[in-house]
PDB file of all heavy atoms in Angstrom:
ATOM      1  N   ALA A   1      85.811  97.973 122.347  1.00  0.00           N
ATOM      2  CA  ALA A   1      84.415  97.721 122.634  1.00  0.00           C
ATOM      3  C   ALA A   1      83.892  98.818 123.569  1.00  0.00           C
ATOM      4  O   ALA A   1      84.410  99.029 124.640  1.00  0.00           O
ATOM      5  CB  ALA A   1      84.219  96.365 123.273  1.00  0.00           C
ATOM      6  N   ILE A   2      82.853  99.538 123.113  1.00  0.00           N
ATOM      7  CA  ILE A   2      82.239 100.552 123.952  1.00  0.00           C
ATOM      8  C   ILE A   2      81.346  99.869 124.979  1.00  0.00           C
ATOM      9  O   ILE A   2      81.176 100.382 126.106  1.00  0.00           O
ATOM     10  CB  ILE A   2      81.422 101.524 123.073  1.00  0.00           C
ATOM     11  CG1 ILE A   2      82.319 102.249 122.074  1.00  0.00           C
ATOM     12  CG2 ILE A   2      80.688 102.554 123.944  1.00  0.00           C
ATOM     13  CD1 ILE A   2      83.388 103.108 122.708  1.00  0.00           C
ATOM     14  N   ARG A   3      80.738  98.772 124.579  1.00  0.00           N
ATOM     15  CA  ARG A   3      79.995  97.980 125.570  1.00  0.00           C
ATOM     16  C   ARG A   3      80.161  96.515 125.229  1.00  0.00           C
ATOM     17  O   ARG A   3      80.747  96.155 124.192  1.00  0.00           O
ATOM     18  CB  ARG A   3      78.510  98.379 125.585  1.00  0.00           C
ATOM     19  CG  ARG A   3      77.774  98.180 124.268  1.00  0.00           C
ATOM     20  CD  ARG A   3      76.348  98.663 124.365  1.00  0.00           C
ATOM     21  NE  ARG A   3      76.286 100.123 124.474  1.00  0.00           N
ATOM     22  CZ  ARG A   3      75.756 100.876 123.523  1.00  0.00           C
ATOM     23  NH1 ARG A   3      75.204 100.326 122.464  1.00  0.00           N
ATOM     24  NH2 ARG A   3      75.751 102.186 123.632  1.00  0.00           N
ATOM     25  N   ASP A   4      79.671  95.608 126.069  1.00  0.00           N
ATOM     26  CA  ASP A   4      79.781  94.146 125.823  1.00  0.00           C
ATOM     27  C   ASP A   4      79.318  93.873 124.409  1.00  0.00           C
ATOM     28  O   ASP A   4      78.210  94.228 124.040  1.00  0.00           O
ATOM     29  CB  ASP A   4      78.995  93.360 126.852  1.00  0.00           C
ATOM     30  CG  ASP A   4      79.616  93.468 128.272  1.00  0.00           C
ATOM     31  OD1 ASP A   4      80.762  93.866 128.361  1.00  0.00           O
ATOM     32  OD2 ASP A   4      78.911  93.134 129.224  1.00  0.00           O
ATOM     33  N   SER A   5      80.140  93.163 123.614  1.00  0.00           N
ATOM     34  CA  SER A   5      79.832  92.986 122.228  1.00  0.00           C
ATOM     35  C   SER A   5      80.154  91.598 121.748  1.00  0.00           C
ATOM     36  O   SER A   5      81.002  90.918 122.361  1.00  0.00           O
ATOM     37  CB  SER A   5      80.609  93.982 121.333  1.00  0.00           C
ATOM     38  OG  SER A   5      80.374  95.334 121.720  1.00  0.00           O
ATOM     39  N   GLU A   6      79.516  91.149 120.662  1.00  0.00           N
ATOM     40  CA  GLU A   6      79.845  89.889 120.011  1.00  0.00           C
ATOM     41  C   GLU A   6      80.244  90.263 118.584  1.00  0.00           C
ATOM     42  O   GLU A   6      79.604  91.064 117.901  1.00  0.00           O
ATOM     43  CB  GLU A   6      78.648  88.955 120.010  1.00  0.00           C
ATOM     44  CG  GLU A   6      78.325  88.403 121.390  1.00  0.00           C
ATOM     45  CD  GLU A   6      77.212  87.386 121.370  1.00  0.00           C
ATOM     46  OE1 GLU A   6      76.770  87.044 120.243  1.00  0.00           O
ATOM     47  OE2 GLU A   6      76.782  86.931 122.437  1.00  0.00           O
ATOM     48  N   VAL A   7      81.344  89.639 118.148  1.00  0.00           N
ATOM     49  CA  VAL A   7      81.948  89.983 116.873  1.00  0.00           C
ATOM     50  C   VAL A   7      82.281  88.741 116.128  1.00  0.00           C
ATOM     51  O   VAL A   7      82.658  87.713 116.749  1.00  0.00           O
ATOM     52  CB  VAL A   7      83.239  90.813 117.090  1.00  0.00           C
ATOM     53  CG1 VAL A   7      83.904  91.177 115.775  1.00  0.00           C
ATOM     54  CG2 VAL A   7      82.998  92.062 117.937  1.00  0.00           C
ATOM     55  N   ILE A   8      82.111  88.777 114.820  1.00  0.00           N
ATOM     56  CA  ILE A   8      82.523  87.624 114.014  1.00  0.00           C
ATOM     57  C   ILE A   8      83.668  88.077 113.115  1.00  0.00           C
ATOM     58  O   ILE A   8      83.653  89.200 112.565  1.00  0.00           O
ATOM     59  CB  ILE A   8      81.359  87.039 113.167  1.00  0.00           C
ATOM     60  CG1 ILE A   8      81.672  85.638 112.695  1.00  0.00           C
ATOM     61  CG2 ILE A   8      80.991  87.922 112.016  1.00  0.00           C
ATOM     62  CD1 ILE A   8      80.458  84.827 112.272  1.00  0.00           C
ATOM     63  N   ALA A   9      84.713  87.245 112.965  1.00  0.00           N
ATOM     64  CA  ALA A   9      85.862  87.567 112.168  1.00  0.00           C
ATOM     65  C   ALA A   9      85.909  86.625 110.969  1.00  0.00           C
ATOM     66  O   ALA A   9      85.798  85.410 111.119  1.00  0.00           O
ATOM     67  CB  ALA A   9      87.151  87.445 112.948  1.00  0.00           C
ATOM     68  N   ILE A  10      86.104  87.188 109.773  1.00  0.00           N
ATOM     69  CA  ILE A  10      86.258  86.376 108.564  1.00  0.00           C
ATOM     70  C   ILE A  10      87.626  86.620 107.980  1.00  0.00           C
ATOM     71  O   ILE A  10      88.020  87.770 107.758  1.00  0.00           O
ATOM     72  CB  ILE A  10      85.175  86.791 107.534  1.00  0.00           C
ATOM     73  CG1 ILE A  10      83.743  86.574 108.153  1.00  0.00           C
ATOM     74  CG2 ILE A  10      85.317  85.956 106.283  1.00  0.00           C
ATOM     75  CD1 ILE A  10      82.636  87.038 107.252  1.00  0.00           C
ATOM     76  N   SER A  11      88.371  85.586 107.733  1.00  0.00           N
ATOM     77  CA  SER A  11      89.734  85.701 107.275  1.00  0.00           C
ATOM     78  C   SER A  11      89.726  86.284 105.853  1.00  0.00           C
ATOM     79  O   SER A  11      88.726  86.334 105.168  1.00  0.00           O
ATOM     80  CB  SER A  11      90.428  84.360 107.258  1.00  0.00           C
ATOM     81  OG  SER A  11      89.835  83.528 106.245  1.00  0.00           O
ATOM     82  N   ARG A  12      90.927  86.744 105.442  1.00  0.00           N
ATOM     83  CA  ARG A  12      91.054  87.252 104.096  1.00  0.00           C
ATOM     84  C   ARG A  12      90.635  86.247 103.048  1.00  0.00           C
ATOM     85  O   ARG A  12      89.919  86.551 102.090  1.00  0.00           O
ATOM     86  CB  ARG A  12      92.537  87.657 103.818  1.00  0.00           C
ATOM     87  CG  ARG A  12      92.789  88.277 102.451  1.00  0.00           C
ATOM     88  CD  ARG A  12      94.285  88.425 102.157  1.00  0.00           C
ATOM     89  NE  ARG A  12      94.898  89.173 103.236  1.00  0.00           N
ATOM     90  CZ  ARG A  12      94.865  90.538 103.312  1.00  0.00           C
ATOM     91  NH1 ARG A  12      94.160  91.202 102.377  1.00  0.00           N
ATOM     92  NH2 ARG A  12      95.452  91.169 104.286  1.00  0.00           N
ATOM     93  N   LYS A  13      90.983  84.971 103.265  1.00  0.00           N
ATOM     94  CA  LYS A  13      90.604  83.918 102.321  1.00  0.00           C
ATOM     95  C   LYS A  13      89.113  83.765 102.247  1.00  0.00           C
ATOM     96  O   LYS A  13      88.523  83.612 101.157  1.00  0.00           O
ATOM     97  CB  LYS A  13      91.285  82.638 102.735  1.00  0.00           C
ATOM     98  CG  LYS A  13      91.081  81.444 101.757  1.00  0.00           C
ATOM     99  CD  LYS A  13      91.848  80.233 102.246  1.00  0.00           C
ATOM    100  CE  LYS A  13      91.650  79.071 101.283  1.00  0.00           C
ATOM    101  NZ  LYS A  13      92.375  77.861 101.781  1.00  0.00           N
ATOM    102  N   GLY A  14      88.442  83.785 103.421  1.00  0.00           N
ATOM    103  CA  GLY A  14      87.005  83.630 103.443  1.00  0.00           C
ATOM    104  C   GLY A  14      86.312  84.830 102.754  1.00  0.00           C
ATOM    105  O   GLY A  14      85.336  84.655 102.011  1.00  0.00           O
ATOM    106  N   TRP A  15      86.826  85.992 102.998  1.00  0.00           N
ATOM    107  CA  TRP A  15      86.225  87.207 102.372  1.00  0.00           C
ATOM    108  C   TRP A  15      86.413  87.151 100.844  1.00  0.00           C
ATOM    109  O   TRP A  15      85.473  87.522 100.120  1.00  0.00           O
ATOM    110  CB  TRP A  15      86.910  88.462 102.958  1.00  0.00           C
ATOM    111  CG  TRP A  15      86.562  89.737 102.247  1.00  0.00           C
ATOM    112  CD1 TRP A  15      87.314  90.486 101.426  1.00  0.00           C
ATOM    113  CD2 TRP A  15      85.271  90.386 102.279  1.00  0.00           C
ATOM    114  NE1 TRP A  15      86.646  91.573 100.934  1.00  0.00           N
ATOM    115  CE2 TRP A  15      85.346  91.534 101.470  1.00  0.00           C
ATOM    116  CE3 TRP A  15      84.045  90.139 102.914  1.00  0.00           C
ATOM    117  CZ2 TRP A  15      84.333  92.419 101.259  1.00  0.00           C
ATOM    118  CZ3 TRP A  15      82.998  91.015 102.738  1.00  0.00           C
ATOM    119  CH2 TRP A  15      83.146  92.136 101.934  1.00  0.00           C
ATOM    120  N   GLN A  16      87.549  86.736 100.393  1.00  0.00           N
ATOM    121  CA  GLN A  16      87.788  86.628  98.949  1.00  0.00           C
ATOM    122  C   GLN A  16      86.813  85.652  98.281  1.00  0.00           C
ATOM    123  O   GLN A  16      86.346  85.850  97.168  1.00  0.00           O
ATOM    124  CB  GLN A  16      89.223  86.264  98.682  1.00  0.00           C
ATOM    125  CG  GLN A  16      90.210  87.377  98.981  1.00  0.00           C
ATOM    126  CD  GLN A  16      91.656  86.979  98.900  1.00  0.00           C
ATOM    127  OE1 GLN A  16      91.984  85.762  98.916  1.00  0.00           O
ATOM    128  NE2 GLN A  16      92.560  87.928  98.829  1.00  0.00           N
ATOM    129  N   ARG A  17      86.504  84.531  98.999  1.00  0.00           N
ATOM    130  CA  ARG A  17      85.548  83.601  98.460  1.00  0.00           C
ATOM    131  C   ARG A  17      84.158  84.231  98.350  1.00  0.00           C
ATOM    132  O   ARG A  17      83.442  84.001  97.357  1.00  0.00           O
ATOM    133  CB  ARG A  17      85.448  82.370  99.375  1.00  0.00           C
ATOM    134  CG  ARG A  17      86.688  81.458  99.283  1.00  0.00           C
ATOM    135  CD  ARG A  17      86.561  80.317 100.265  1.00  0.00           C
ATOM    136  NE  ARG A  17      87.613  79.316 100.056  1.00  0.00           N
ATOM    137  CZ  ARG A  17      87.810  78.273 100.843  1.00  0.00           C
ATOM    138  NH1 ARG A  17      87.068  78.089 101.935  1.00  0.00           N
ATOM    139  NH2 ARG A  17      88.789  77.401 100.591  1.00  0.00           N
ATOM    140  N   MET A  18      83.776  85.006  99.292  1.00  0.00           N
ATOM    141  CA  MET A  18      82.493  85.707  99.261  1.00  0.00           C
ATOM    142  C   MET A  18      82.421  86.709  98.086  1.00  0.00           C
ATOM    143  O   MET A  18      81.448  86.738  97.358  1.00  0.00           O
ATOM    144  CB  MET A  18      82.235  86.415 100.582  1.00  0.00           C
ATOM    145  CG  MET A  18      81.878  85.533 101.726  1.00  0.00           C
ATOM    146  SD  MET A  18      81.544  86.534 103.201  1.00  0.00           S
ATOM    147  CE  MET A  18      80.937  85.261 104.338  1.00  0.00           C
ATOM    148  N   VAL A  19      83.469  87.488  97.960  1.00  0.00           N
ATOM    149  CA  VAL A  19      83.497  88.500  96.886  1.00  0.00           C
ATOM    150  C   VAL A  19      83.471  87.817  95.484  1.00  0.00           C
ATOM    151  O   VAL A  19      82.781  88.320  94.565  1.00  0.00           O
ATOM    152  CB  VAL A  19      84.729  89.395  97.041  1.00  0.00           C
ATOM    153  CG1 VAL A  19      84.916  90.286  95.827  1.00  0.00           C
ATOM    154  CG2 VAL A  19      84.614  90.225  98.293  1.00  0.00           C
ATOM    155  N   LYS A  20      84.170  86.721  95.389  1.00  0.00           N
ATOM    156  CA  LYS A  20      84.182  86.033  94.091  1.00  0.00           C
ATOM    157  C   LYS A  20      82.791  85.521  93.737  1.00  0.00           C
ATOM    158  O   LYS A  20      82.371  85.589  92.581  1.00  0.00           O
ATOM    159  CB  LYS A  20      85.158  84.864  94.157  1.00  0.00           C
ATOM    160  CG  LYS A  20      85.363  84.133  92.840  1.00  0.00           C
ATOM    161  CD  LYS A  20      86.404  83.039  92.948  1.00  0.00           C
ATOM    162  CE  LYS A  20      86.620  82.331  91.592  1.00  0.00           C
ATOM    163  NZ  LYS A  20      87.665  81.278  91.679  1.00  0.00           N
ATOM    164  N   ALA A  21      82.049  85.070  94.773  1.00  0.00           N
ATOM    165  CA  ALA A  21      80.705  84.543  94.505  1.00  0.00           C
ATOM    166  C   ALA A  21      79.693  85.678  94.364  1.00  0.00           C
ATOM    167  O   ALA A  21      78.689  85.523  93.685  1.00  0.00           O
ATOM    168  CB  ALA A  21      80.294  83.603  95.634  1.00  0.00           C
ATOM    169  N   GLU A  22      79.941  86.828  95.055  1.00  0.00           N
ATOM    170  CA  GLU A  22      78.969  87.920  95.018  1.00  0.00           C
ATOM    171  C   GLU A  22      79.788  89.242  94.839  1.00  0.00           C
ATOM    172  O   GLU A  22      80.092  89.909  95.765  1.00  0.00           O
ATOM    173  CB  GLU A  22      78.185  87.925  96.342  1.00  0.00           C
ATOM    174  CG  GLU A  22      77.134  89.076  96.384  1.00  0.00           C
ATOM    175  CD  GLU A  22      76.163  89.024  95.196  1.00  0.00           C
ATOM    176  OE1 GLU A  22      75.636  87.948  94.882  1.00  0.00           O
ATOM    177  OE2 GLU A  22      75.982  90.065  94.581  1.00  0.00           O
ATOM    178  N   PRO A  23      80.123  89.592  93.577  1.00  0.00           N
ATOM    179  CA  PRO A  23      80.952  90.755  93.320  1.00  0.00           C
ATOM    180  C   PRO A  23      80.388  92.077  93.867  1.00  0.00           C
ATOM    181  O   PRO A  23      81.158  92.987  94.116  1.00  0.00           O
ATOM    182  CB  PRO A  23      81.080  90.779  91.758  1.00  0.00           C
ATOM    183  CG  PRO A  23      80.809  89.391  91.336  1.00  0.00           C
ATOM    184  CD  PRO A  23      79.792  88.855  92.327  1.00  0.00           C
ATOM    185  N   GLU A  24      79.078  92.135  94.024  1.00  0.00           N
ATOM    186  CA  GLU A  24      78.498  93.371  94.535  1.00  0.00           C
ATOM    187  C   GLU A  24      78.905  93.689  95.960  1.00  0.00           C
ATOM    188  O   GLU A  24      78.770  94.787  96.435  1.00  0.00           O
ATOM    189  CB  GLU A  24      76.960  93.302  94.447  1.00  0.00           C
ATOM    190  CG  GLU A  24      76.455  93.383  92.991  1.00  0.00           C
ATOM    191  CD  GLU A  24      74.943  93.501  92.929  1.00  0.00           C
ATOM    192  OE1 GLU A  24      74.281  93.568  93.993  1.00  0.00           O
ATOM    193  OE2 GLU A  24      74.430  93.518  91.794  1.00  0.00           O
ATOM    194  N   LEU A  25      79.384  92.640  96.703  1.00  0.00           N
ATOM    195  CA  LEU A  25      79.958  92.907  98.002  1.00  0.00           C
ATOM    196  C   LEU A  25      81.082  93.943  97.960  1.00  0.00           C
ATOM    197  O   LEU A  25      81.204  94.759  98.856  1.00  0.00           O
ATOM    198  CB  LEU A  25      80.495  91.599  98.580  1.00  0.00           C
ATOM    199  CG  LEU A  25      79.537  90.707  99.420  1.00  0.00           C
ATOM    200  CD1 LEU A  25      80.284  89.532  99.942  1.00  0.00           C
ATOM    201  CD2 LEU A  25      78.916  91.490 100.569  1.00  0.00           C
ATOM    202  N   LEU A  26      81.882  93.840  96.917  1.00  0.00           N
ATOM    203  CA  LEU A  26      83.017  94.729  96.795  1.00  0.00           C
ATOM    204  C   LEU A  26      82.518  96.210  96.659  1.00  0.00           C
ATOM    205  O   LEU A  26      83.045  97.127  97.294  1.00  0.00           O
ATOM    206  CB  LEU A  26      83.871  94.378  95.574  1.00  0.00           C
ATOM    207  CG  LEU A  26      85.240  95.003  95.487  1.00  0.00           C
ATOM    208  CD1 LEU A  26      86.072  94.641  96.697  1.00  0.00           C
ATOM    209  CD2 LEU A  26      85.922  94.532  94.192  1.00  0.00           C
ATOM    210  N   GLU A  27      81.483  96.402  95.864  1.00  0.00           N
ATOM    211  CA  GLU A  27      80.931  97.733  95.668  1.00  0.00           C
ATOM    212  C   GLU A  27      80.329  98.260  96.980  1.00  0.00           C
ATOM    213  O   GLU A  27      80.552  99.443  97.331  1.00  0.00           O
ATOM    214  CB  GLU A  27      79.847  97.684  94.588  1.00  0.00           C
ATOM    215  CG  GLU A  27      79.235  99.038  94.282  1.00  0.00           C
ATOM    216  CD  GLU A  27      78.148  98.945  93.217  1.00  0.00           C
ATOM    217  OE1 GLU A  27      78.116  97.938  92.497  1.00  0.00           O
ATOM    218  OE2 GLU A  27      77.331  99.889  93.140  1.00  0.00           O
ATOM    219  N   ALA A  28      79.646  97.369  97.719  1.00  0.00           N
ATOM    220  CA  ALA A  28      79.050  97.780  98.983  1.00  0.00           C
ATOM    221  C   ALA A  28      80.150  98.189  99.986  1.00  0.00           C
ATOM    222  O   ALA A  28      79.982  99.190 100.745  1.00  0.00           O
ATOM    223  CB  ALA A  28      78.205  96.656  99.531  1.00  0.00           C
ATOM    224  N   MET A  29      81.259  97.445  99.997  1.00  0.00           N
ATOM    225  CA  MET A  29      82.316  97.722 100.932  1.00  0.00           C
ATOM    226  C   MET A  29      83.011  99.061 100.575  1.00  0.00           C
ATOM    227  O   MET A  29      83.416  99.813 101.425  1.00  0.00           O
ATOM    228  CB  MET A  29      83.333  96.590 100.956  1.00  0.00           C
ATOM    229  CG  MET A  29      84.347  96.722 102.109  1.00  0.00           C
ATOM    230  SD  MET A  29      83.567  96.740 103.747  1.00  0.00           S
ATOM    231  CE  MET A  29      82.969  95.020 103.861  1.00  0.00           C
ATOM    232  N   ILE A  30      83.122  99.319  99.293  1.00  0.00           N
ATOM    233  CA  ILE A  30      83.729 100.593  98.840  1.00  0.00           C
ATOM    234  C   ILE A  30      82.869 101.767  99.341  1.00  0.00           C
ATOM    235  O   ILE A  30      83.378 102.791  99.767  1.00  0.00           O
ATOM    236  CB  ILE A  30      83.890 100.608  97.331  1.00  0.00           C
ATOM    237  CG1 ILE A  30      84.997  99.664  96.898  1.00  0.00           C
ATOM    238  CG2 ILE A  30      84.169 102.017  96.837  1.00  0.00           C
ATOM    239  CD1 ILE A  30      85.150  99.433  95.420  1.00  0.00           C
ATOM    240  N   ARG A  31      81.518 101.592  99.305  1.00  0.00           N
ATOM    241  CA  ARG A  31      80.651 102.652  99.793  1.00  0.00           C
ATOM    242  C   ARG A  31      80.880 102.901 101.309  1.00  0.00           C
ATOM    243  O   ARG A  31      80.837 104.017 101.785  1.00  0.00           O
ATOM    244  CB  ARG A  31      79.176 102.273  99.525  1.00  0.00           C
ATOM    245  CG  ARG A  31      78.754 102.418  98.068  1.00  0.00           C
ATOM    246  CD  ARG A  31      77.271 102.470  97.927  1.00  0.00           C
ATOM    247  NE  ARG A  31      76.620 101.218  98.366  1.00  0.00           N
ATOM    248  CZ  ARG A  31      76.370 100.191  97.579  1.00  0.00           C
ATOM    249  NH1 ARG A  31      76.714 100.281  96.289  1.00  0.00           N
ATOM    250  NH2 ARG A  31      75.821  99.139  98.019  1.00  0.00           N
ATOM    251  N   VAL A  32      81.070 101.794 102.054  1.00  0.00           N
ATOM    252  CA  VAL A  32      81.347 101.911 103.488  1.00  0.00           C
ATOM    253  C   VAL A  32      82.639 102.696 103.724  1.00  0.00           C
ATOM    254  O   VAL A  32      82.729 103.610 104.548  1.00  0.00           O
ATOM    255  CB  VAL A  32      81.439 100.527 104.132  1.00  0.00           C
ATOM    256  CG1 VAL A  32      82.024 100.636 105.556  1.00  0.00           C
ATOM    257  CG2 VAL A  32      80.107  99.863 104.135  1.00  0.00           C
ATOM    258  N   ILE A  33      83.682 102.358 102.943  1.00  0.00           N
ATOM    259  CA  ILE A  33      84.993 103.018 103.094  1.00  0.00           C
ATOM    260  C   ILE A  33      84.842 104.517 102.768  1.00  0.00           C
ATOM    261  O   ILE A  33      85.367 105.379 103.507  1.00  0.00           O
ATOM    262  CB  ILE A  33      86.034 102.346 102.197  1.00  0.00           C
ATOM    263  CG1 ILE A  33      86.334 100.928 102.719  1.00  0.00           C
ATOM    264  CG2 ILE A  33      87.319 103.183 102.142  1.00  0.00           C
ATOM    265  CD1 ILE A  33      87.241 100.129 101.817  1.00  0.00           C
ATOM    266  N   LEU A  34      84.151 104.847 101.686  1.00  0.00           N
ATOM    267  CA  LEU A  34      83.999 106.268 101.320  1.00  0.00           C
ATOM    268  C   LEU A  34      83.276 107.045 102.367  1.00  0.00           C
ATOM    269  O   LEU A  34      83.603 108.176 102.744  1.00  0.00           O
ATOM    270  CB  LEU A  34      83.263 106.384  99.976  1.00  0.00           C
ATOM    271  CG  LEU A  34      84.073 105.944  98.728  1.00  0.00           C
ATOM    272  CD1 LEU A  34      83.186 105.957  97.491  1.00  0.00           C
ATOM    273  CD2 LEU A  34      85.285 106.836  98.540  1.00  0.00           C
ATOM    274  N   LYS A  35      82.233 106.404 102.949  1.00  0.00           N
ATOM    275  CA  LYS A  35      81.454 107.064 104.004  1.00  0.00           C
ATOM    276  C   LYS A  35      82.312 107.327 105.204  1.00  0.00           C
ATOM    277  O   LYS A  35      82.206 108.351 105.854  1.00  0.00           O
ATOM    278  CB  LYS A  35      80.249 106.186 104.366  1.00  0.00           C
ATOM    279  CG  LYS A  35      79.288 106.829 105.340  1.00  0.00           C
ATOM    280  CD  LYS A  35      78.064 105.918 105.627  1.00  0.00           C
ATOM    281  CE  LYS A  35      77.221 105.785 104.401  1.00  0.00           C
ATOM    282  NZ  LYS A  35      75.969 105.057 104.721  1.00  0.00           N
ATOM    283  N   ARG A  36      83.195 106.378 105.520  1.00  0.00           N
ATOM    284  CA  ARG A  36      84.021 106.539 106.721  1.00  0.00           C
ATOM    285  C   ARG A  36      85.214 107.465 106.509  1.00  0.00           C
ATOM    286  O   ARG A  36      85.901 107.778 107.487  1.00  0.00           O
ATOM    287  CB  ARG A  36      84.500 105.167 107.225  1.00  0.00           C
ATOM    288  CG  ARG A  36      83.334 104.350 107.793  1.00  0.00           C
ATOM    289  CD  ARG A  36      83.759 102.998 108.216  1.00  0.00           C
ATOM    290  NE  ARG A  36      82.702 102.272 108.861  1.00  0.00           N
ATOM    291  CZ  ARG A  36      82.705 101.013 109.250  1.00  0.00           C
ATOM    292  NH1 ARG A  36      83.809 100.281 109.041  1.00  0.00           N
ATOM    293  NH2 ARG A  36      81.675 100.446 109.802  1.00  0.00           N
ATOM    294  N   LEU A  37      85.437 107.893 105.303  1.00  0.00           N
ATOM    295  CA  LEU A  37      86.522 108.862 105.076  1.00  0.00           C
ATOM    296  C   LEU A  37      86.152 110.222 105.603  1.00  0.00           C
ATOM    297  O   LEU A  37      86.980 111.121 105.769  1.00  0.00           O
ATOM    298  CB  LEU A  37      86.845 108.929 103.590  1.00  0.00           C
ATOM    299  CG  LEU A  37      87.586 107.746 103.012  1.00  0.00           C
ATOM    300  CD1 LEU A  37      87.798 107.885 101.500  1.00  0.00           C
ATOM    301  CD2 LEU A  37      88.918 107.516 103.703  1.00  0.00           C
ATOM    302  N   GLY A  38      84.859 110.440 105.881  1.00  0.00           N
ATOM    303  CA  GLY A  38      84.430 111.658 106.533  1.00  0.00           C
ATOM    304  C   GLY A  38      84.247 112.869 105.654  1.00  0.00           C
ATOM    305  O   GLY A  38      84.291 113.981 106.070  1.00  0.00           O
ATOM    306  N   ARG A  39      84.061 112.635 104.350  1.00  0.00           N
ATOM    307  CA  ARG A  39      83.810 113.773 103.453  1.00  0.00           C
ATOM    308  C   ARG A  39      82.468 114.404 103.757  1.00  0.00           C
ATOM    309  O   ARG A  39      81.540 113.764 104.233  1.00  0.00           O
ATOM    310  CB  ARG A  39      83.839 113.319 102.016  1.00  0.00           C
ATOM    311  CG  ARG A  39      85.194 112.797 101.574  1.00  0.00           C
ATOM    312  CD  ARG A  39      86.233 113.895 101.515  1.00  0.00           C
ATOM    313  NE  ARG A  39      87.445 113.450 100.948  1.00  0.00           N
ATOM    314  CZ  ARG A  39      88.542 114.203 100.774  1.00  0.00           C
ATOM    315  NH1 ARG A  39      88.526 115.458 101.172  1.00  0.00           N
ATOM    316  NH2 ARG A  39      89.637 113.729 100.261  1.00  0.00           N
ATOM    317  N   ALA A  40      82.339 115.692 103.434  1.00  0.00           N
ATOM    318  CA  ALA A  40      81.084 116.392 103.644  1.00  0.00           C
ATOM    319  C   ALA A  40      79.986 115.673 102.829  1.00  0.00           C
ATOM    320  O   ALA A  40      80.186 115.316 101.695  1.00  0.00           O
ATOM    321  CB  ALA A  40      81.206 117.818 103.225  1.00  0.00           C
ATOM    322  N   GLY A  41      78.833 115.561 103.475  1.00  0.00           N
ATOM    323  CA  GLY A  41      77.702 114.911 102.788  1.00  0.00           C
ATOM    324  C   GLY A  41      77.724 113.427 102.816  1.00  0.00           C
ATOM    325  O   GLY A  41      76.806 112.790 102.386  1.00  0.00           O
ATOM    326  N   GLN A  42      78.830 112.823 103.369  1.00  0.00           N
ATOM    327  CA  GLN A  42      78.928 111.355 103.461  1.00  0.00           C
ATOM    328  C   GLN A  42      79.036 110.904 104.880  1.00  0.00           C
ATOM    329  O   GLN A  42      79.543 109.882 105.213  1.00  0.00           O
ATOM    330  CB  GLN A  42      80.152 110.861 102.627  1.00  0.00           C
ATOM    331  CG  GLN A  42      80.033 111.137 101.173  1.00  0.00           C
ATOM    332  CD  GLN A  42      81.263 110.687 100.404  1.00  0.00           C
ATOM    333  OE1 GLN A  42      82.356 110.763 100.917  1.00  0.00           O
ATOM    334  NE2 GLN A  42      81.097 110.201  99.218  1.00  0.00           N
TER     335      GLN A  42
END
């Protein structure tokens, strides 16, 4: 924590339920992962 923060944790099981109900979540998360890989332009 860089400063005082509030965080919510979702278990693997809870996340899988969300993705099953809303598959586009998976695509959005992939975009986050690609952005954080630090490639040029991302």
